[in-house]
Amino acid sequence: MTRSLKKGPYVDEKLMKKVGARKPGSEAIKTWARASQIAPEFVGYTFLVHTGKNFDEVLVTEDMVGHRLGEFAPTTKFVRHGGKMQKEIEQAKKAAEIATAQAAKAATTTKK
């Protein structure tokens, strides 16, 4: 759900103070305010957004205005699906690619 228009966008006050005190392109601003919306004043600044374990670097561009800081710093890491069967399939594909490459190489060496 969107925030009420009469309330206006949520931008963390501490974050606005930090942005006002620094120049764009200087050192990164460390923040835990993932829910804060990106204001037009943030364009050009680099933020270190907390992901729960470490900080991800986010360089704010014009396209990001209106979105939240947390959208650009994912908190989970995707580990591919599949297990033993998936690994066997990938190994078979790799073996087939190697075999075709060797066959092509052997065909080019016999023609010369």
PDB file of N, CA and C in Angstrom:
ATOM      1  N   MET A   1       0.835  -1.190   0.000  1.00  0.00           N
ATOM      2  CA  MET A   1       0.000   0.000   0.000  1.00  0.00           C
ATOM      3  C   MET A   1       0.875   1.247   0.000  1.00  0.00           C
ATOM      4  N   THR A   2       0.399   2.290  -0.634  1.00  0.00           N
ATOM      5  CA  THR A   2       1.154   3.536  -0.672  1.00  0.00           C
ATOM      6  C   THR A   2       0.839   4.376   0.552  1.00  0.00           C
ATOM      7  N   ARG A   3       1.697   5.295   0.840  1.00  0.00           N
ATOM      8  CA  ARG A   3       1.513   6.185   1.983  1.00  0.00           C
ATOM      9  C   ARG A   3       0.521   7.270   1.606  1.00  0.00           C
ATOM     10  N   SER A   4      -0.248   7.735   2.585  1.00  0.00           N
ATOM     11  CA  SER A   4      -1.256   8.769   2.369  1.00  0.00           C
ATOM     12  C   SER A   4      -0.617  10.039   1.808  1.00  0.00           C
ATOM     13  N   LEU A   5      -1.277  10.676   0.862  1.00  0.00           N
ATOM     14  CA  LEU A   5      -0.735  11.884   0.250  1.00  0.00           C
ATOM     15  C   LEU A   5      -0.633  13.027   1.250  1.00  0.00           C
ATOM     16  N   LYS A   6      -1.553  13.090   2.202  1.00  0.00           N
ATOM     17  CA  LYS A   6      -1.499  14.193   3.168  1.00  0.00           C
ATOM     18  C   LYS A   6      -0.302  14.053   4.122  1.00  0.00           C
ATOM     19  N   LYS A   7       0.181  12.833   4.310  1.00  0.00           N
ATOM     20  CA  LYS A   7       1.339  12.620   5.177  1.00  0.00           C
ATOM     21  C   LYS A   7       2.642  12.930   4.454  1.00  0.00           C
ATOM     22  N   GLY A   8       2.683  12.715   3.165  1.00  0.00           N
ATOM     23  CA  GLY A   8       3.904  12.941   2.401  1.00  0.00           C
ATOM     24  C   GLY A   8       4.839  11.744   2.475  1.00  0.00           C
ATOM     25  N   PRO A   9       5.938  11.768   1.726  1.00  0.00           N
ATOM     26  CA  PRO A   9       6.860  10.627   1.705  1.00  0.00           C
ATOM     27  C   PRO A   9       7.638  10.528   3.015  1.00  0.00           C
ATOM     28  N   TYR A  10       8.016   9.297   3.372  1.00  0.00           N
ATOM     29  CA  TYR A  10       8.821   9.083   4.577  1.00  0.00           C
ATOM     30  C   TYR A  10      10.292   9.142   4.208  1.00  0.00           C
ATOM     31  N   VAL A  11      10.966  10.131   4.759  1.00  0.00           N
ATOM     32  CA  VAL A  11      12.411  10.248   4.598  1.00  0.00           C
ATOM     33  C   VAL A  11      12.984  10.429   5.999  1.00  0.00           C
ATOM     34  N   ASP A  12      13.924   9.592   6.364  1.00  0.00           N
ATOM     35  CA  ASP A  12      14.518   9.631   7.694  1.00  0.00           C
ATOM     36  C   ASP A  12      15.190  10.981   7.937  1.00  0.00           C
ATOM     37  N   GLU A  13      14.882  11.607   9.091  1.00  0.00           N
ATOM     38  CA  GLU A  13      15.423  12.938   9.388  1.00  0.00           C
ATOM     39  C   GLU A  13      16.942  12.924   9.544  1.00  0.00           C
ATOM     40  N   LYS A  14      17.471  11.896  10.227  1.00  0.00           N
ATOM     41  CA  LYS A  14      18.927  11.807  10.401  1.00  0.00           C
ATOM     42  C   LYS A  14      19.634  11.687   9.059  1.00  0.00           C
ATOM     43  N   LEU A  15      19.007  10.963   8.144  1.00  0.00           N
ATOM     44  CA  LEU A  15      19.587  10.773   6.819  1.00  0.00           C
ATOM     45  C   LEU A  15      19.613  12.095   6.053  1.00  0.00           C
ATOM     46  N   MET A  16      18.548  12.872   6.174  1.00  0.00           N
ATOM     47  CA  MET A  16      18.507  14.180   5.502  1.00  0.00           C
ATOM     48  C   MET A  16      19.595  15.106   6.055  1.00  0.00           C
ATOM     49  N   LYS A  17      19.838  15.053   7.368  1.00  0.00           N
ATOM     50  CA  LYS A  17      20.889  15.880   7.971  1.00  0.00           C
ATOM     51  C   LYS A  17      22.256  15.476   7.431  1.00  0.00           C
ATOM     52  N   LYS A  18      22.487  14.159   7.332  1.00  0.00           N
ATOM     53  CA  LYS A  18      23.766  13.669   6.822  1.00  0.00           C
ATOM     54  C   LYS A  18      23.981  14.098   5.377  1.00  0.00           C
ATOM     55  N   VAL A  19      22.915  14.045   4.572  1.00  0.00           N
ATOM     56  CA  VAL A  19      23.018  14.437   3.160  1.00  0.00           C
ATOM     57  C   VAL A  19      23.281  15.931   3.055  1.00  0.00           C
ATOM     58  N   GLY A  20      22.636  16.732   3.910  1.00  0.00           N
ATOM     59  CA  GLY A  20      22.830  18.178   3.888  1.00  0.00           C
ATOM     60  C   GLY A  20      24.238  18.590   4.289  1.00  0.00           C
ATOM     61  N   ALA A  21      24.891  17.772   5.101  1.00  0.00           N
ATOM     62  CA  ALA A  21      26.218  18.118   5.600  1.00  0.00           C
ATOM     63  C   ALA A  21      27.339  17.703   4.656  1.00  0.00           C
ATOM     64  N   ARG A  22      27.060  16.884   3.654  1.00  0.00           N
ATOM     65  CA  ARG A  22      28.110  16.382   2.758  1.00  0.00           C
ATOM     66  C   ARG A  22      27.855  16.803   1.316  1.00  0.00           C
ATOM     67  N   LYS A  23      28.892  16.680   0.517  1.00  0.00           N
ATOM     68  CA  LYS A  23      28.783  16.993  -0.901  1.00  0.00           C
ATOM     69  C   LYS A  23      28.624  15.694  -1.685  1.00  0.00           C
ATOM     70  N   PRO A  24      27.928  15.742  -2.841  1.00  0.00           N
ATOM     71  CA  PRO A  24      27.795  14.524  -3.658  1.00  0.00           C
ATOM     72  C   PRO A  24      29.164  14.038  -4.129  1.00  0.00           C
ATOM     73  N   GLY A  25      29.320  12.727  -4.170  1.00  0.00           N
ATOM     74  CA  GLY A  25      30.572  12.139  -4.636  1.00  0.00           C
ATOM     75  C   GLY A  25      31.608  11.980  -3.545  1.00  0.00           C
ATOM     76  N   SER A  26      31.336  12.523  -2.348  1.00  0.00           N
ATOM     77  CA  SER A  26      32.292  12.334  -1.252  1.00  0.00           C
ATOM     78  C   SER A  26      32.098  10.943  -0.661  1.00  0.00           C
ATOM     79  N   GLU A  27      32.590  10.715   0.535  1.00  0.00           N
ATOM     80  CA  GLU A  27      32.509   9.388   1.144  1.00  0.00           C
ATOM     81  C   GLU A  27      31.067   8.922   1.292  1.00  0.00           C
ATOM     82  N   ALA A  28      30.885   7.619   1.381  1.00  0.00           N
ATOM     83  CA  ALA A  28      29.557   7.020   1.458  1.00  0.00           C
ATOM     84  C   ALA A  28      28.908   7.306   2.810  1.00  0.00           C
ATOM     85  N   ILE A  29      27.575   7.391   2.796  1.00  0.00           N
ATOM     86  CA  ILE A  29      26.795   7.644   4.004  1.00  0.00           C
ATOM     87  C   ILE A  29      26.247   6.312   4.507  1.00  0.00           C
ATOM     88  N   LYS A  30      26.622   5.945   5.713  1.00  0.00           N
ATOM     89  CA  LYS A  30      26.191   4.678   6.306  1.00  0.00           C
ATOM     90  C   LYS A  30      24.807   4.864   6.917  1.00  0.00           C
ATOM     91  N   THR A  31      23.874   3.940   6.593  1.00  0.00           N
ATOM     92  CA  THR A  31      22.522   4.066   7.125  1.00  0.00           C
ATOM     93  C   THR A  31      21.887   2.705   7.384  1.00  0.00           C
ATOM     94  N   TRP A  32      20.999   2.702   8.341  1.00  0.00           N
ATOM     95  CA  TRP A  32      20.191   1.521   8.655  1.00  0.00           C
ATOM     96  C   TRP A  32      18.741   1.766   8.242  1.00  0.00           C
ATOM     97  N   ALA A  33      18.433   2.942   7.688  1.00  0.00           N
ATOM     98  CA  ALA A  33      17.065   3.348   7.344  1.00  0.00           C
ATOM     99  C   ALA A  33      16.685   2.793   5.976  1.00  0.00           C
ATOM    100  N   ARG A  34      16.393   1.495   5.907  1.00  0.00           N
ATOM    101  CA  ARG A  34      16.030   0.848   4.647  1.00  0.00           C
ATOM    102  C   ARG A  34      14.660   1.305   4.161  1.00  0.00           C
ATOM    103  N   ALA A  35      13.779   1.710   5.088  1.00  0.00           N
ATOM    104  CA  ALA A  35      12.412   2.086   4.738  1.00  0.00           C
ATOM    105  C   ALA A  35      12.314   3.521   4.232  1.00  0.00           C
ATOM    106  N   SER A  36      13.393   4.265   4.312  1.00  0.00           N
ATOM    107  CA  SER A  36      13.388   5.658   3.883  1.00  0.00           C
ATOM    108  C   SER A  36      13.277   5.758   2.369  1.00  0.00           C
ATOM    109  N   GLN A  37      12.389   6.644   1.912  1.00  0.00           N
ATOM    110  CA  GLN A  37      12.260   6.856   0.471  1.00  0.00           C
ATOM    111  C   GLN A  37      13.415   7.698  -0.028  1.00  0.00           C
ATOM    112  N   ILE A  38      13.754   7.523  -1.290  1.00  0.00           N
ATOM    113  CA  ILE A  38      14.840   8.280  -1.892  1.00  0.00           C
ATOM    114  C   ILE A  38      14.286   9.607  -2.386  1.00  0.00           C
ATOM    115  N   ALA A  39      14.790  10.687  -1.820  1.00  0.00           N
ATOM    116  CA  ALA A  39      14.361  12.034  -2.184  1.00  0.00           C
ATOM    117  C   ALA A  39      15.228  12.548  -3.339  1.00  0.00           C
ATOM    118  N   PRO A  40      14.742  13.550  -4.073  1.00  0.00           N
ATOM    119  CA  PRO A  40      15.555  14.109  -5.172  1.00  0.00           C
ATOM    120  C   PRO A  40      16.899  14.675  -4.698  1.00  0.00           C
ATOM    121  N   GLU A  41      16.995  15.056  -3.427  1.00  0.00           N
ATOM    122  CA  GLU A  41      18.244  15.591  -2.891  1.00  0.00           C
ATOM    123  C   GLU A  41      19.328  14.518  -2.767  1.00  0.00           C
ATOM    124  N   PHE A  42      18.940  13.237  -2.809  1.00  0.00           N
ATOM    125  CA  PHE A  42      19.873  12.130  -2.631  1.00  0.00           C
ATOM    126  C   PHE A  42      20.627  11.774  -3.915  1.00  0.00           C
ATOM    127  N   VAL A  43      20.215  12.314  -5.053  1.00  0.00           N
ATOM    128  CA  VAL A  43      20.817  11.944  -6.339  1.00  0.00           C
ATOM    129  C   VAL A  43      22.291  12.327  -6.347  1.00  0.00           C
ATOM    130  N   GLY A  44      23.131  11.350  -6.696  1.00  0.00           N
ATOM    131  CA  GLY A  44      24.566  11.578  -6.765  1.00  0.00           C
ATOM    132  C   GLY A  44      25.314  11.123  -5.524  1.00  0.00           C
ATOM    133  N   TYR A  45      24.589  10.820  -4.454  1.00  0.00           N
ATOM    134  CA  TYR A  45      25.226  10.371  -3.213  1.00  0.00           C
ATOM    135  C   TYR A  45      25.351   8.856  -3.215  1.00  0.00           C
ATOM    136  N   THR A  46      26.327   8.359  -2.476  1.00  0.00           N
ATOM    137  CA  THR A  46      26.515   6.924  -2.298  1.00  0.00           C
ATOM    138  C   THR A  46      26.145   6.577  -0.862  1.00  0.00           C
ATOM    139  N   PHE A  47      25.285   5.577  -0.704  1.00  0.00           N
ATOM    140  CA  PHE A  47      24.837   5.149   0.612  1.00  0.00           C
ATOM    141  C   PHE A  47      25.328   3.738   0.870  1.00  0.00           C
ATOM    142  N   LEU A  48      25.658   3.453   2.123  1.00  0.00           N
ATOM    143  CA  LEU A  48      25.956   2.099   2.569  1.00  0.00           C
ATOM    144  C   LEU A  48      24.732   1.638   3.340  1.00  0.00           C
ATOM    145  N   VAL A  49      23.896   0.809   2.697  1.00  0.00           N
ATOM    146  CA  VAL A  49      22.618   0.380   3.272  1.00  0.00           C
ATOM    147  C   VAL A  49      22.822  -0.951   3.984  1.00  0.00           C
ATOM    148  N   HIS A  50      22.366  -1.027   5.232  1.00  0.00           N
ATOM    149  CA  HIS A  50      22.547  -2.224   6.052  1.00  0.00           C
ATOM    150  C   HIS A  50      21.638  -3.342   5.562  1.00  0.00           C
ATOM    151  N   THR A  51      22.200  -4.562   5.418  1.00  0.00           N
ATOM    152  CA  THR A  51      21.422  -5.705   4.936  1.00  0.00           C
ATOM    153  C   THR A  51      21.131  -6.719   6.026  1.00  0.00           C
ATOM    154  N   GLY A  52      21.499  -6.395   7.252  1.00  0.00           N
ATOM    155  CA  GLY A  52      21.302  -7.326   8.345  1.00  0.00           C
ATOM    156  C   GLY A  52      22.604  -7.935   8.802  1.00  0.00           C
ATOM    157  N   LYS A  53      23.538  -8.061   7.889  1.00  0.00           N
ATOM    158  CA  LYS A  53      24.853  -8.624   8.226  1.00  0.00           C
ATOM    159  C   LYS A  53      25.969  -7.659   7.847  1.00  0.00           C
ATOM    160  N   ASN A  54      25.854  -7.073   6.671  1.00  0.00           N
ATOM    161  CA  ASN A  54      26.873  -6.143   6.211  1.00  0.00           C
ATOM    162  C   ASN A  54      26.193  -4.975   5.493  1.00  0.00           C
ATOM    163  N   PHE A  55      26.983  -4.115   4.880  1.00  0.00           N
ATOM    164  CA  PHE A  55      26.448  -2.935   4.205  1.00  0.00           C
ATOM    165  C   PHE A  55      26.686  -3.051   2.702  1.00  0.00           C
ATOM    166  N   ASP A  56      25.637  -2.801   1.912  1.00  0.00           N
ATOM    167  CA  ASP A  56      25.753  -2.795   0.455  1.00  0.00           C
ATOM    168  C   ASP A  56      25.835  -1.360  -0.027  1.00  0.00           C
ATOM    169  N   GLU A  57      26.711  -1.127  -0.997  1.00  0.00           N
ATOM    170  CA  GLU A  57      26.893   0.206  -1.549  1.00  0.00           C
ATOM    171  C   GLU A  57      25.829   0.485  -2.597  1.00  0.00           C
ATOM    172  N   VAL A  58      25.138   1.634  -2.473  1.00  0.00           N
ATOM    173  CA  VAL A  58      24.084   2.019  -3.404  1.00  0.00           C
ATOM    174  C   VAL A  58      24.368   3.434  -3.880  1.00  0.00           C
ATOM    175  N   LEU A  59      24.598   3.598  -5.185  1.00  0.00           N
ATOM    176  CA  LEU A  59      24.773   4.919  -5.777  1.00  0.00           C
ATOM    177  C   LEU A  59      23.416   5.364  -6.315  1.00  0.00           C
ATOM    178  N   VAL A  60      22.901   6.477  -5.813  1.00  0.00           N
ATOM    179  CA  VAL A  60      21.555   6.920  -6.156  1.00  0.00           C
ATOM    180  C   VAL A  60      21.571   7.679  -7.478  1.00  0.00           C
ATOM    181  N   THR A  61      20.669   7.274  -8.390  1.00  0.00           N
ATOM    182  CA  THR A  61      20.491   7.956  -9.665  1.00  0.00           C
ATOM    183  C   THR A  61      19.082   8.534  -9.729  1.00  0.00           C
ATOM    184  N   GLU A  62      18.781   9.258 -10.782  1.00  0.00           N
ATOM    185  CA  GLU A  62      17.465   9.899 -10.917  1.00  0.00           C
ATOM    186  C   GLU A  62      16.333   8.884 -11.022  1.00  0.00           C
ATOM    187  N   ASP A  63      16.611   7.713 -11.587  1.00  0.00           N
ATOM    188  CA  ASP A  63      15.573   6.697 -11.746  1.00  0.00           C
ATOM    189  C   ASP A  63      15.105   6.141 -10.410  1.00  0.00           C
ATOM    190  N   MET A  64      15.917   6.257  -9.375  1.00  0.00           N
ATOM    191  CA  MET A  64      15.609   5.673  -8.072  1.00  0.00           C
ATOM    192  C   MET A  64      14.722   6.554  -7.201  1.00  0.00           C
ATOM    193  N   VAL A  65      14.506   7.797  -7.570  1.00  0.00           N
ATOM    194  CA  VAL A  65      13.725   8.727  -6.745  1.00  0.00           C
ATOM    195  C   VAL A  65      12.309   8.188  -6.569  1.00  0.00           C
ATOM    196  N   GLY A  66      11.847   8.167  -5.315  1.00  0.00           N
ATOM    197  CA  GLY A  66      10.518   7.654  -4.994  1.00  0.00           C
ATOM    198  C   GLY A  66      10.528   6.222  -4.498  1.00  0.00           C
ATOM    199  N   HIS A  67      11.599   5.486  -4.776  1.00  0.00           N
ATOM    200  CA  HIS A  67      11.727   4.117  -4.281  1.00  0.00           C
ATOM    201  C   HIS A  67      12.334   4.147  -2.885  1.00  0.00           C
ATOM    202  N   ARG A  68      12.422   2.992  -2.259  1.00  0.00           N
ATOM    203  CA  ARG A  68      13.004   2.892  -0.923  1.00  0.00           C
ATOM    204  C   ARG A  68      14.462   2.427  -1.043  1.00  0.00           C
ATOM    205  N   LEU A  69      15.271   2.827  -0.064  1.00  0.00           N
ATOM    206  CA  LEU A  69      16.683   2.438  -0.081  1.00  0.00           C
ATOM    207  C   LEU A  69      16.846   0.930  -0.007  1.00  0.00           C
ATOM    208  N   GLY A  70      15.992   0.256   0.738  1.00  0.00           N
ATOM    209  CA  GLY A  70      16.088  -1.177   0.920  1.00  0.00           C
ATOM    210  C   GLY A  70      15.863  -1.982  -0.338  1.00  0.00           C
ATOM    211  N   GLU A  71      15.217  -1.392  -1.342  1.00  0.00           N
ATOM    212  CA  GLU A  71      14.953  -2.102  -2.596  1.00  0.00           C
ATOM    213  C   GLU A  71      16.242  -2.403  -3.356  1.00  0.00           C
ATOM    214  N   PHE A  72      17.276  -1.618  -3.112  1.00  0.00           N
ATOM    215  CA  PHE A  72      18.511  -1.747  -3.873  1.00  0.00           C
ATOM    216  C   PHE A  72      19.611  -2.457  -3.096  1.00  0.00           C
ATOM    217  N   ALA A  73      19.278  -2.957  -1.907  1.00  0.00           N
ATOM    218  CA  ALA A  73      20.225  -3.715  -1.093  1.00  0.00           C
ATOM    219  C   ALA A  73      19.532  -4.984  -0.614  1.00  0.00           C
ATOM    220  N   PRO A  74      19.567  -6.062  -1.409  1.00  0.00           N
ATOM    221  CA  PRO A  74      18.852  -7.286  -1.035  1.00  0.00           C
ATOM    222  C   PRO A  74      19.416  -7.905   0.247  1.00  0.00           C
ATOM    223  N   THR A  75      18.514  -8.463   1.052  1.00  0.00           N
ATOM    224  CA  THR A  75      18.926  -9.031   2.333  1.00  0.00           C
ATOM    225  C   THR A  75      19.192 -10.525   2.245  1.00  0.00           C
ATOM    226  N   THR A  76      18.738 -11.153   1.189  1.00  0.00           N
ATOM    227  CA  THR A  76      18.954 -12.588   1.044  1.00  0.00           C
ATOM    228  C   THR A  76      19.777 -12.867  -0.201  1.00  0.00           C
ATOM    229  N   LYS A  77      20.532 -13.941  -0.162  1.00  0.00           N
ATOM    230  CA  LYS A  77      21.365 -14.342  -1.297  1.00  0.00           C
ATOM    231  C   LYS A  77      20.726 -15.564  -1.933  1.00  0.00           C
ATOM    232  N   PHE A  78      20.491 -15.531  -3.223  1.00  0.00           N
ATOM    233  CA  PHE A  78      19.862 -16.648  -3.910  1.00  0.00           C
ATOM    234  C   PHE A  78      20.872 -17.758  -4.128  1.00  0.00           C
ATOM    235  N   VAL A  79      20.552 -18.924  -3.621  1.00  0.00           N
ATOM    236  CA  VAL A  79      21.340 -20.118  -3.877  1.00  0.00           C
ATOM    237  C   VAL A  79      20.510 -20.952  -4.833  1.00  0.00           C
ATOM    238  N   ARG A  80      21.088 -21.333  -5.955  1.00  0.00           N
ATOM    239  CA  ARG A  80      20.313 -21.950  -7.029  1.00  0.00           C
ATOM    240  C   ARG A  80      19.537 -23.176  -6.568  1.00  0.00           C
ATOM    241  N   HIS A  81      18.488 -23.449  -7.285  1.00  0.00           N
ATOM    242  CA  HIS A  81      17.643 -24.591  -6.986  1.00  0.00           C
ATOM    243  C   HIS A  81      18.314 -25.881  -7.446  1.00  0.00           C
ATOM    244  N   GLY A  82      17.803 -26.954  -6.940  1.00  0.00           N
ATOM    245  CA  GLY A  82      18.298 -28.258  -7.377  1.00  0.00           C
ATOM    246  C   GLY A  82      19.305 -28.820  -6.398  1.00  0.00           C
ATOM    247  N   GLY A  83      19.534 -30.067  -6.519  1.00  0.00           N
ATOM    248  CA  GLY A  83      20.480 -30.734  -5.640  1.00  0.00           C
ATOM    249  C   GLY A  83      21.356 -31.659  -6.442  1.00  0.00           C
ATOM    250  N   LYS A  84      21.333 -32.923  -6.089  1.00  0.00           N
ATOM    251  CA  LYS A  84      22.186 -33.913  -6.728  1.00  0.00           C
ATOM    252  C   LYS A  84      21.833 -34.090  -8.206  1.00  0.00           C
ATOM    253  N   MET A  85      20.538 -34.125  -8.518  1.00  0.00           N
ATOM    254  CA  MET A  85      20.114 -34.312  -9.908  1.00  0.00           C
ATOM    255  C   MET A  85      20.550 -33.135 -10.773  1.00  0.00           C
ATOM    256  N   GLN A  86      20.398 -31.914 -10.250  1.00  0.00           N
ATOM    257  CA  GLN A  86      20.772 -30.724 -11.006  1.00  0.00           C
ATOM    258  C   GLN A  86      22.274 -30.723 -11.290  1.00  0.00           C
ATOM    259  N   LYS A  87      23.065 -31.137 -10.318  1.00  0.00           N
ATOM    260  CA  LYS A  87      24.513 -31.188 -10.486  1.00  0.00           C
ATOM    261  C   LYS A  87      24.899 -32.193 -11.565  1.00  0.00           C
ATOM    262  N   GLU A  88      24.232 -33.340 -11.589  1.00  0.00           N
ATOM    263  CA  GLU A  88      24.508 -34.362 -12.606  1.00  0.00           C
ATOM    264  C   GLU A  88      24.156 -33.849 -13.996  1.00  0.00           C
ATOM    265  N   ILE A  89      23.054 -33.149 -14.112  1.00  0.00           N
ATOM    266  CA  ILE A  89      22.634 -32.594 -15.405  1.00  0.00           C
ATOM    267  C   ILE A  89      23.679 -31.593 -15.908  1.00  0.00           C
ATOM    268  N   GLU A  90      24.146 -30.704 -15.013  1.00  0.00           N
ATOM    269  CA  GLU A  90      25.140 -29.705 -15.408  1.00  0.00           C
ATOM    270  C   GLU A  90      26.463 -30.361 -15.821  1.00  0.00           C
ATOM    271  N   GLN A  91      26.867 -31.413 -15.115  1.00  0.00           N
ATOM    272  CA  GLN A  91      28.095 -32.112 -15.481  1.00  0.00           C
ATOM    273  C   GLN A  91      27.957 -32.783 -16.846  1.00  0.00           C
ATOM    274  N   ALA A  92      26.785 -33.337 -17.130  1.00  0.00           N
ATOM    275  CA  ALA A  92      26.549 -33.969 -18.432  1.00  0.00           C
ATOM    276  C   ALA A  92      26.616 -32.937 -19.552  1.00  0.00           C
ATOM    277  N   LYS A  93      26.041 -31.749 -19.319  1.00  0.00           N
ATOM    278  CA  LYS A  93      26.091 -30.674 -20.318  1.00  0.00           C
ATOM    279  C   LYS A  93      27.533 -30.256 -20.582  1.00  0.00           C
ATOM    280  N   LYS A  94      28.296 -30.091 -19.501  1.00  0.00           N
ATOM    281  CA  LYS A  94      29.685 -29.670 -19.642  1.00  0.00           C
ATOM    282  C   LYS A  94      30.497 -30.719 -20.403  1.00  0.00           C
ATOM    283  N   ALA A  95      30.266 -32.007 -20.111  1.00  0.00           N
ATOM    284  CA  ALA A  95      30.968 -33.087 -20.806  1.00  0.00           C
ATOM    285  C   ALA A  95      30.607 -33.090 -22.291  1.00  0.00           C
ATOM    286  N   ALA A  96      29.339 -32.831 -22.619  1.00  0.00           N
ATOM    287  CA  ALA A  96      28.909 -32.785 -24.018  1.00  0.00           C
ATOM    288  C   ALA A  96      29.567 -31.616 -24.745  1.00  0.00           C
ATOM    289  N   GLU A  97      29.675 -30.458 -24.085  1.00  0.00           N
ATOM    290  CA  GLU A  97      30.325 -29.300 -24.698  1.00  0.00           C
ATOM    291  C   GLU A  97      31.801 -29.586 -24.966  1.00  0.00           C
ATOM    292  N   ILE A  98      32.471 -30.232 -24.033  1.00  0.00           N
ATOM    293  CA  ILE A  98      33.888 -30.569 -24.198  1.00  0.00           C
ATOM    294  C   ILE A  98      34.067 -31.546 -25.353  1.00  0.00           C
ATOM    295  N   ALA A  99      33.160 -32.522 -25.448  1.00  0.00           N
ATOM    296  CA  ALA A  99      33.249 -33.514 -26.526  1.00  0.00           C
ATOM    297  C   ALA A  99      33.051 -32.859 -27.883  1.00  0.00           C
ATOM    298  N   THR A 100      32.096 -31.955 -28.015  1.00  0.00           N
ATOM    299  CA  THR A 100      31.871 -31.277 -29.297  1.00  0.00           C
ATOM    300  C   THR A 100      33.051 -30.380 -29.651  1.00  0.00           C
ATOM    301  N   ALA A 101      33.644 -29.728 -28.650  1.00  0.00           N
ATOM    302  CA  ALA A 101      34.795 -28.872 -28.911  1.00  0.00           C
ATOM    303  C   ALA A 101      35.988 -29.699 -29.379  1.00  0.00           C
ATOM    304  N   GLN A 102      36.204 -30.867 -28.767  1.00  0.00           N
ATOM    305  CA  GLN A 102      37.303 -31.736 -29.170  1.00  0.00           C
ATOM    306  C   GLN A 102      37.075 -32.304 -30.569  1.00  0.00           C
ATOM    307  N   ALA A 103      35.818 -32.628 -30.890  1.00  0.00           N
ATOM    308  CA  ALA A 103      35.505 -33.152 -32.216  1.00  0.00           C
ATOM    309  C   ALA A 103      35.739 -32.079 -33.276  1.00  0.00           C
ATOM    310  N   ALA A 104      35.357 -30.853 -32.983  1.00  0.00           N
ATOM    311  CA  ALA A 104      35.562 -29.758 -33.932  1.00  0.00           C
ATOM    312  C   ALA A 104      37.047 -29.495 -34.129  1.00  0.00           C
ATOM    313  N   LYS A 105      37.813 -29.559 -33.048  1.00  0.00           N
ATOM    314  CA  LYS A 105      39.247 -29.348 -33.121  1.00  0.00           C
ATOM    315  C   LYS A 105      39.930 -30.452 -33.947  1.00  0.00           C
ATOM    316  N   ALA A 106      39.488 -31.678 -33.738  1.00  0.00           N
ATOM    317  CA  ALA A 106      40.059 -32.802 -34.468  1.00  0.00           C
ATOM    318  C   ALA A 106      39.707 -32.701 -35.958  1.00  0.00           C
ATOM    319  N   ALA A 107      38.515 -32.214 -36.282  1.00  0.00           N
ATOM    320  CA  ALA A 107      38.104 -32.066 -37.672  1.00  0.00           C
ATOM    321  C   ALA A 107      38.940 -30.984 -38.368  1.00  0.00           C
ATOM    322  N   THR A 108      39.245 -29.909 -37.686  1.00  0.00           N
ATOM    323  CA  THR A 108      40.033 -28.838 -38.299  1.00  0.00           C
ATOM    324  C   THR A 108      41.495 -29.238 -38.466  1.00  0.00           C
ATOM    325  N   THR A 109      42.033 -30.069 -37.577  1.00  0.00           N
ATOM    326  CA  THR A 109      43.436 -30.483 -37.698  1.00  0.00           C
ATOM    327  C   THR A 109      43.620 -31.519 -38.802  1.00  0.00           C
ATOM    328  N   THR A 110      42.612 -32.345 -39.081  1.00  0.00           N
ATOM    329  CA  THR A 110      42.729 -33.354 -40.147  1.00  0.00           C
ATOM    330  C   THR A 110      42.581 -32.719 -41.519  1.00  0.00           C
ATOM    331  N   LYS A 111      41.900 -31.599 -41.637  1.00  0.00           N
ATOM    332  CA  LYS A 111      41.729 -30.925 -42.928  1.00  0.00           C
ATOM    333  C   LYS A 111      43.013 -30.270 -43.390  1.00  0.00           C
ATOM    334  N   LYS A 112      43.853 -29.849 -42.470  1.00  0.00           N
ATOM    335  CA  LYS A 112      45.100 -29.152 -42.816  1.00  0.00           C
ATOM    336  C   LYS A 112      46.079 -30.140 -43.263  1.00  0.00           C
TER     337      LYS A 112
END
